[in-house]
C-alpha atoms as a PDB file:
ATOM      1  CA  MET A   1       7.830   4.401 -13.631  1.00  0.00           C
ATOM      2  CA  THR A   2       4.136   3.607 -13.422  1.00  0.00           C
ATOM      3  CA  TYR A   3       2.061   1.835 -10.811  1.00  0.00           C
ATOM      4  CA  ARG A   4      -1.032  -0.299 -10.530  1.00  0.00           C
ATOM      5  CA  PHE A   5      -3.098  -1.779  -7.728  1.00  0.00           C
ATOM      6  CA  LEU A   6      -3.947  -5.465  -7.553  1.00  0.00           C
ATOM      7  CA  ALA A   7      -7.731  -5.873  -7.392  1.00  0.00           C
ATOM      8  CA  ASP A   8      -7.578  -7.066  -3.762  1.00  0.00           C
ATOM      9  CA  ALA A   9      -5.395  -4.101  -2.797  1.00  0.00           C
ATOM     10  CA  ARG A  10      -7.792  -1.660  -4.467  1.00  0.00           C
ATOM     11  CA  ALA A  11     -10.753  -3.269  -2.675  1.00  0.00           C
ATOM     12  CA  GLU A  12      -9.115  -3.073   0.760  1.00  0.00           C
ATOM     13  CA  PHE A  13      -8.090   0.530   0.042  1.00  0.00           C
ATOM     14  CA  HIS A  14     -11.689   1.469  -0.783  1.00  0.00           C
ATOM     15  CA  ASP A  15     -12.944  -0.406   2.298  1.00  0.00           C
ATOM     16  CA  ALA A  16     -10.550   1.622   4.465  1.00  0.00           C
ATOM     17  CA  VAL A  17     -11.674   4.879   2.813  1.00  0.00           C
ATOM     18  CA  ASP A  18     -15.297   3.967   3.579  1.00  0.00           C
ATOM     19  CA  TRP A  19     -14.424   3.051   7.182  1.00  0.00           C
ATOM     20  CA  TYR A  20     -12.690   6.389   7.789  1.00  0.00           C
ATOM     21  CA  GLU A  21     -15.477   8.312   6.073  1.00  0.00           C
ATOM     22  CA  ALA A  22     -18.042   6.632   8.345  1.00  0.00           C
ATOM     23  CA  ARG A  23     -16.067   7.854  11.360  1.00  0.00           C
ATOM     24  CA  ARG A  24     -15.956  11.488  10.232  1.00  0.00           C
ATOM     25  CA  ALA A  25     -17.055  13.252   7.068  1.00  0.00           C
ATOM     26  CA  GLY A  26     -13.995  14.054   4.963  1.00  0.00           C
ATOM     27  CA  LEU A  27     -11.639  11.704   6.804  1.00  0.00           C
ATOM     28  CA  GLY A  28     -11.959   9.099   4.049  1.00  0.00           C
ATOM     29  CA  ASP A  29     -10.801  11.687   1.522  1.00  0.00           C
ATOM     30  CA  GLU A  30      -7.870  12.609   3.753  1.00  0.00           C
ATOM     31  CA  PHE A  31      -6.884   8.950   4.000  1.00  0.00           C
ATOM     32  CA  SER A  32      -7.193   8.539   0.225  1.00  0.00           C
ATOM     33  CA  ASP A  33      -5.002  11.592  -0.366  1.00  0.00           C
ATOM     34  CA  GLU A  34      -2.332  10.224   1.981  1.00  0.00           C
ATOM     35  CA  VAL A  35      -2.355   6.803   0.303  1.00  0.00           C
ATOM     36  CA  TYR A  36      -1.954   8.383  -3.139  1.00  0.00           C
ATOM     37  CA  ALA A  37       0.849  10.618  -1.797  1.00  0.00           C
ATOM     38  CA  THR A  38       2.545   7.463  -0.512  1.00  0.00           C
ATOM     39  CA  VAL A  39       2.169   5.807  -3.914  1.00  0.00           C
ATOM     40  CA  GLN A  40       3.712   8.872  -5.568  1.00  0.00           C
ATOM     41  CA  LYS A  41       6.737   8.576  -3.249  1.00  0.00           C
ATOM     42  CA  ILE A  42       7.030   4.934  -4.282  1.00  0.00           C
ATOM     43  CA  VAL A  43       6.814   5.773  -7.985  1.00  0.00           C
ATOM     44  CA  ALA A  44       9.468   8.492  -7.615  1.00  0.00           C
ATOM     45  CA  ASN A  45      11.946   6.223  -5.838  1.00  0.00           C
ATOM     46  CA  PRO A  46      10.713   2.619  -5.554  1.00  0.00           C
ATOM     47  CA  HIS A  47      13.951   1.138  -4.228  1.00  0.00           C
ATOM     48  CA  ALA A  48      14.293   3.621  -1.363  1.00  0.00           C
ATOM     49  CA  TYR A  49      11.980   1.915   1.098  1.00  0.00           C
ATOM     50  CA  SER A  50      12.306  -1.083   3.385  1.00  0.00           C
ATOM     51  CA  PRO A  51      12.071  -4.652   2.117  1.00  0.00           C
ATOM     52  CA  ALA A  52       8.985  -6.409   3.463  1.00  0.00           C
ATOM     53  CA  ALA A  53       9.730  -8.950   6.190  1.00  0.00           C
ATOM     54  CA  GLY A  54       8.958 -12.487   5.127  1.00  0.00           C
ATOM     55  CA  ALA A  55       8.818 -11.766   1.415  1.00  0.00           C
ATOM     56  CA  PRO A  56      10.327 -14.284  -1.004  1.00  0.00           C
ATOM     57  CA  ARG A  57      13.945 -13.424  -1.761  1.00  0.00           C
ATOM     58  CA  SER A  58      13.308 -13.876  -5.462  1.00  0.00           C
ATOM     59  CA  ARG A  59      10.953 -10.880  -5.537  1.00  0.00           C
ATOM     60  CA  GLU A  60      11.481  -7.264  -4.587  1.00  0.00           C
ATOM     61  CA  ILE A  61       8.625  -6.666  -2.153  1.00  0.00           C
ATOM     62  CA  ARG A  62       8.827  -3.443  -0.173  1.00  0.00           C
ATOM     63  CA  VAL A  63       6.717  -1.499   2.306  1.00  0.00           C
ATOM     64  CA  LEU A  64       6.088   2.157   3.115  1.00  0.00           C
ATOM     65  CA  LYS A  65       3.964   3.609   5.918  1.00  0.00           C
ATOM     66  CA  VAL A  66       1.156   6.006   5.030  1.00  0.00           C
ATOM     67  CA  ASP A  67       1.625   9.387   6.749  1.00  0.00           C
ATOM     68  CA  ARG A  68      -0.929  10.236   9.493  1.00  0.00           C
ATOM     69  CA  PHE A  69      -2.582   6.801   9.401  1.00  0.00           C
ATOM     70  CA  ASP A  70      -1.645   3.403  10.775  1.00  0.00           C
ATOM     71  CA  TYR A  71      -1.564   1.821   7.305  1.00  0.00           C
ATOM     72  CA  LEU A  72       1.177   0.424   5.112  1.00  0.00           C
ATOM     73  CA  VAL A  73       1.459   0.153   1.353  1.00  0.00           C
ATOM     74  CA  VAL A  74       3.057  -3.152   0.382  1.00  0.00           C
ATOM     75  CA  TYR A  75       4.345  -3.163  -3.181  1.00  0.00           C
ATOM     76  CA  GLU A  76       6.501  -5.091  -5.607  1.00  0.00           C
ATOM     77  CA  VAL A  77       9.077  -3.390  -7.780  1.00  0.00           C
ATOM     78  CA  THR A  78       9.307  -4.790 -11.302  1.00  0.00           C
ATOM     79  CA  ARG A  79      11.219  -3.465 -14.299  1.00  0.00           C
ATOM     80  CA  ALA A  80       8.181  -1.673 -15.694  1.00  0.00           C
ATOM     81  CA  GLU A  81       6.090  -0.690 -12.689  1.00  0.00           C
ATOM     82  CA  SER A  82       5.409  -0.751  -8.981  1.00  0.00           C
ATOM     83  CA  VAL A  83       2.559  -3.109  -8.154  1.00  0.00           C
ATOM     84  CA  VAL A  84       0.587  -2.290  -5.010  1.00  0.00           C
ATOM     85  CA  ILE A  85      -0.076  -5.644  -3.361  1.00  0.00           C
ATOM     86  CA  ALA A  86      -1.796  -4.352  -0.230  1.00  0.00           C
ATOM     87  CA  VAL A  87      -3.019  -1.257   1.554  1.00  0.00           C
ATOM     88  CA  ALA A  88      -3.199  -2.852   4.971  1.00  0.00           C
ATOM     89  CA  HIS A  89      -3.570  -1.788   8.548  1.00  0.00           C
ATOM     90  CA  ALA A  90      -0.150  -1.978  10.172  1.00  0.00           C
ATOM     91  CA  ARG A  91      -1.316  -4.584  12.687  1.00  0.00           C
ATOM     92  CA  SER A  92      -2.517  -6.987   9.993  1.00  0.00           C
ATOM     93  CA  VAL A  93       0.093  -6.406   7.307  1.00  0.00           C
ATOM     94  CA  ARG A  94       1.868  -9.709   7.907  1.00  0.00           C
ATOM     95  CA  ARG A  95      -1.091 -11.859   6.988  1.00  0.00           C
ATOM     96  CA  GLU A  96      -3.157 -11.105   3.926  1.00  0.00           C
ATOM     97  CA  TRP A  97      -0.722  -9.810   1.332  1.00  0.00           C
ATOM     98  CA  ARG A  98       1.399 -12.953   1.249  1.00  0.00           C
ATOM     99  CA  ARG A  99      -1.472 -14.876  -0.380  1.00  0.00           C
ATOM    100  CA  ARG A 100      -1.396 -12.400  -3.272  1.00  0.00           C
ATOM    101  CA  LEU A 101       2.134 -13.179  -4.401  1.00  0.00           C
END
């Protein structure tokens, strides 16, 4: 299975990388590595993770926490790919991504 990021998800991911990098040199790279490791887990077994609360029942929207960071990857499983809808801070995950569906 393949994956892709929605443009908004990619932008918020890069914003988070920049934020962490501004806090400490190299921390942005560590965050990026953890997000990509999370995406690889999703690609390997997309149905293994929790359904996202509040997602439409007609779509398979799931969520997986990023190791070491308080971020979640929200994604949709389709027949051909996993689509990353959001890379969002865990406290704000319930808001933004729903507009992207």
